[in-house]
N, C-alpha and C. Protein backbone atom coordinates (compact mmCIF):
# COMPACT_ATOMS: atom_id res chain seq x y z
N MET A 1 54.14 -0.15 37.31
CA MET A 1 54.10 0.03 38.73
C MET A 1 55.39 0.68 39.16
N SER A 2 55.33 1.62 40.04
CA SER A 2 56.53 2.19 40.63
C SER A 2 56.20 2.64 42.06
N GLY A 3 57.24 2.68 42.87
CA GLY A 3 57.03 3.12 44.24
C GLY A 3 58.15 2.70 45.15
N ASP A 4 58.03 3.11 46.39
CA ASP A 4 59.02 2.79 47.41
C ASP A 4 58.57 1.53 48.16
N LEU A 5 59.53 0.73 48.54
CA LEU A 5 59.24 -0.40 49.40
C LEU A 5 60.46 -0.73 50.23
N GLU A 6 60.25 -1.53 51.25
CA GLU A 6 61.33 -1.93 52.14
C GLU A 6 61.37 -3.44 52.23
N THR A 7 62.58 -3.99 52.13
CA THR A 7 62.76 -5.43 52.24
C THR A 7 62.72 -5.85 53.70
N LYS A 8 62.61 -7.15 53.91
CA LYS A 8 62.64 -7.68 55.27
C LYS A 8 63.97 -7.36 55.95
N SER A 9 65.03 -7.24 55.13
CA SER A 9 66.36 -6.91 55.66
C SER A 9 66.55 -5.40 55.84
N LYS A 10 65.45 -4.64 55.70
CA LYS A 10 65.40 -3.20 55.95
C LYS A 10 66.07 -2.35 54.87
N LEU A 11 66.31 -2.92 53.68
CA LEU A 11 66.78 -2.11 52.56
C LEU A 11 65.59 -1.31 52.03
N LYS A 12 65.80 -0.04 51.81
CA LYS A 12 64.75 0.80 51.22
C LYS A 12 65.04 0.91 49.73
N LEU A 13 64.05 0.54 48.92
CA LEU A 13 64.21 0.51 47.47
C LEU A 13 63.16 1.37 46.79
N VAL A 14 63.55 1.99 45.69
CA VAL A 14 62.61 2.64 44.79
C VAL A 14 62.53 1.72 43.58
N VAL A 15 61.33 1.25 43.29
CA VAL A 15 61.15 0.19 42.31
C VAL A 15 60.24 0.66 41.18
N GLY A 16 60.64 0.31 39.96
CA GLY A 16 59.79 0.50 38.79
C GLY A 16 59.72 -0.82 38.05
N ILE A 17 58.53 -1.26 37.71
CA ILE A 17 58.35 -2.55 37.05
C ILE A 17 57.50 -2.36 35.80
N VAL A 18 57.99 -2.90 34.69
CA VAL A 18 57.22 -2.93 33.45
C VAL A 18 57.07 -4.39 33.08
N ALA A 19 55.85 -4.83 32.88
CA ALA A 19 55.59 -6.22 32.46
C ALA A 19 54.68 -6.16 31.25
N ASP A 20 55.17 -6.63 30.13
CA ASP A 20 54.44 -6.62 28.87
C ASP A 20 53.66 -7.91 28.73
N GLY A 21 52.38 -7.84 28.60
CA GLY A 21 51.53 -9.02 28.55
C GLY A 21 51.28 -9.56 27.16
N VAL A 22 52.20 -9.38 26.24
CA VAL A 22 51.98 -9.77 24.85
C VAL A 22 52.09 -11.27 24.61
N GLY A 23 52.85 -11.99 25.40
CA GLY A 23 53.17 -13.40 25.16
C GLY A 23 52.04 -14.27 24.67
N SER A 24 50.87 -14.09 25.17
CA SER A 24 49.72 -14.91 24.79
C SER A 24 48.49 -14.02 24.88
N ALA A 25 47.71 -14.00 23.85
CA ALA A 25 46.56 -13.09 23.82
C ALA A 25 45.65 -13.25 25.03
N ASP A 26 45.34 -14.49 25.39
CA ASP A 26 44.44 -14.72 26.50
C ASP A 26 45.12 -14.59 27.85
N PHE A 27 46.35 -15.06 27.94
CA PHE A 27 47.02 -15.16 29.22
C PHE A 27 47.98 -14.00 29.49
N GLY A 28 48.32 -13.22 28.46
CA GLY A 28 49.34 -12.19 28.58
C GLY A 28 49.12 -11.17 29.69
N ALA A 29 47.93 -10.61 29.75
CA ALA A 29 47.65 -9.60 30.78
C ALA A 29 47.70 -10.22 32.17
N ASN A 30 47.17 -11.42 32.32
CA ASN A 30 47.20 -12.12 33.60
C ASN A 30 48.65 -12.43 34.00
N ALA A 31 49.45 -12.86 33.04
CA ALA A 31 50.86 -13.17 33.31
C ALA A 31 51.61 -11.93 33.77
N ALA A 32 51.35 -10.81 33.13
CA ALA A 32 52.01 -9.56 33.52
C ALA A 32 51.65 -9.19 34.96
N GLN A 33 50.38 -9.33 35.32
CA GLN A 33 49.94 -9.01 36.68
C GLN A 33 50.57 -9.94 37.70
N ILE A 34 50.62 -11.24 37.38
CA ILE A 34 51.26 -12.21 38.28
C ILE A 34 52.72 -11.85 38.47
N ALA A 35 53.41 -11.52 37.38
CA ALA A 35 54.83 -11.17 37.46
C ALA A 35 55.05 -9.96 38.37
N ILE A 36 54.26 -8.93 38.19
CA ILE A 36 54.40 -7.72 39.02
C ILE A 36 54.17 -8.04 40.49
N GLU A 37 53.07 -8.72 40.78
CA GLU A 37 52.74 -9.05 42.17
C GLU A 37 53.82 -9.93 42.81
N THR A 38 54.35 -10.87 42.05
CA THR A 38 55.38 -11.77 42.58
C THR A 38 56.67 -11.03 42.86
N VAL A 39 57.07 -10.14 41.97
CA VAL A 39 58.31 -9.38 42.17
C VAL A 39 58.19 -8.51 43.42
N ILE A 40 57.09 -7.82 43.56
CA ILE A 40 56.89 -6.95 44.74
C ILE A 40 56.93 -7.78 46.02
N LYS A 41 56.20 -8.89 46.03
CA LYS A 41 56.17 -9.75 47.22
C LYS A 41 57.57 -10.29 47.53
N SER A 42 58.28 -10.73 46.51
CA SER A 42 59.62 -11.27 46.70
C SER A 42 60.57 -10.21 47.27
N PHE A 43 60.50 -8.98 46.74
CA PHE A 43 61.33 -7.89 47.28
C PHE A 43 61.02 -7.68 48.76
N LYS A 44 59.75 -7.56 49.09
CA LYS A 44 59.36 -7.27 50.47
C LYS A 44 59.76 -8.38 51.44
N GLU A 45 59.75 -9.62 50.97
CA GLU A 45 60.05 -10.76 51.85
C GLU A 45 61.53 -11.14 51.87
N SER A 46 62.36 -10.43 51.12
CA SER A 46 63.77 -10.79 51.01
C SER A 46 64.57 -10.43 52.26
N ASP A 47 65.36 -11.40 52.71
CA ASP A 47 66.30 -11.18 53.81
C ASP A 47 67.67 -10.80 53.29
N ASP A 48 67.86 -10.86 51.98
CA ASP A 48 69.16 -10.60 51.37
C ASP A 48 69.49 -9.11 51.45
N THR A 49 70.76 -8.77 51.37
CA THR A 49 71.19 -7.37 51.37
C THR A 49 71.86 -6.98 50.06
N SER A 50 71.98 -7.91 49.14
CA SER A 50 72.57 -7.66 47.83
C SER A 50 71.44 -7.36 46.84
N ILE A 51 71.39 -6.14 46.34
CA ILE A 51 70.31 -5.76 45.42
C ILE A 51 70.30 -6.63 44.16
N PRO A 52 71.46 -6.89 43.52
CA PRO A 52 71.40 -7.79 42.36
C PRO A 52 70.84 -9.17 42.70
N GLN A 53 71.17 -9.69 43.87
CA GLN A 53 70.66 -11.00 44.28
C GLN A 53 69.15 -10.93 44.55
N ILE A 54 68.69 -9.86 45.15
CA ILE A 54 67.25 -9.68 45.40
C ILE A 54 66.49 -9.66 44.08
N ILE A 55 67.01 -8.92 43.10
CA ILE A 55 66.38 -8.84 41.79
C ILE A 55 66.39 -10.20 41.11
N ASP A 56 67.52 -10.88 41.14
CA ASP A 56 67.64 -12.20 40.51
C ASP A 56 66.63 -13.18 41.08
N MET A 57 66.54 -13.24 42.38
CA MET A 57 65.59 -14.18 43.01
C MET A 57 64.14 -13.80 42.70
N ALA A 58 63.84 -12.51 42.68
CA ALA A 58 62.48 -12.07 42.38
C ALA A 58 62.09 -12.42 40.95
N MET A 59 63.01 -12.25 40.01
CA MET A 59 62.71 -12.56 38.62
C MET A 59 62.54 -14.07 38.42
N LYS A 60 63.36 -14.86 39.08
CA LYS A 60 63.22 -16.31 38.98
C LYS A 60 61.89 -16.77 39.56
N GLN A 61 61.48 -16.19 40.68
CA GLN A 61 60.20 -16.57 41.30
C GLN A 61 59.04 -16.14 40.41
N ALA A 62 59.12 -14.94 39.84
CA ALA A 62 58.05 -14.47 38.95
C ALA A 62 57.93 -15.38 37.73
N ASN A 63 59.06 -15.76 37.16
CA ASN A 63 59.04 -16.66 36.01
C ASN A 63 58.37 -17.99 36.38
N MET A 64 58.74 -18.52 37.53
CA MET A 64 58.17 -19.79 37.98
C MET A 64 56.66 -19.66 38.21
N ASP A 65 56.24 -18.57 38.85
CA ASP A 65 54.82 -18.39 39.13
C ASP A 65 54.00 -18.24 37.85
N VAL A 66 54.52 -17.50 36.87
CA VAL A 66 53.82 -17.34 35.60
C VAL A 66 53.75 -18.68 34.87
N PHE A 67 54.86 -19.40 34.85
CA PHE A 67 54.91 -20.72 34.20
C PHE A 67 53.89 -21.67 34.82
N GLU A 68 53.87 -21.73 36.14
CA GLU A 68 52.94 -22.63 36.84
C GLU A 68 51.48 -22.24 36.59
N GLU A 69 51.18 -20.96 36.62
CA GLU A 69 49.81 -20.51 36.37
C GLU A 69 49.39 -20.80 34.93
N ASN A 70 50.31 -20.63 34.01
CA ASN A 70 50.01 -20.93 32.61
C ASN A 70 49.70 -22.42 32.45
N ASN A 71 50.49 -23.26 33.10
CA ASN A 71 50.23 -24.70 33.03
C ASN A 71 48.90 -25.06 33.66
N ARG A 72 48.56 -24.41 34.79
CA ARG A 72 47.27 -24.66 35.43
C ARG A 72 46.13 -24.26 34.51
N SER A 73 46.25 -23.11 33.89
CA SER A 73 45.16 -22.62 33.03
C SER A 73 45.02 -23.47 31.77
N LYS A 74 46.09 -24.04 31.28
CA LYS A 74 46.02 -24.94 30.12
C LYS A 74 45.26 -26.21 30.49
N GLY A 75 45.41 -26.66 31.74
CA GLY A 75 44.73 -27.86 32.20
C GLY A 75 43.23 -27.68 32.36
N GLU A 76 42.77 -26.45 32.37
CA GLU A 76 41.34 -26.17 32.57
C GLU A 76 40.56 -26.22 31.28
N ASP A 77 41.23 -26.31 30.12
CA ASP A 77 40.54 -26.32 28.82
C ASP A 77 39.78 -27.59 28.59
């Protein structure tokens, strides 16, 4: 995914995201999609003006969202 977006704090960013879904055969592709969607949403909703901080928070949120979804899907077996 790549493209332009604007944060809530009005920073204009050009973003490129690569998410490799290899981690788990069944869940990998889904995890990659969740990670991409979470990072984009986090960027757009950020009030921060520090780009490294925006990236850090987005990656932490994506990791949490993938982890939680993986745990939910394990519970469905």
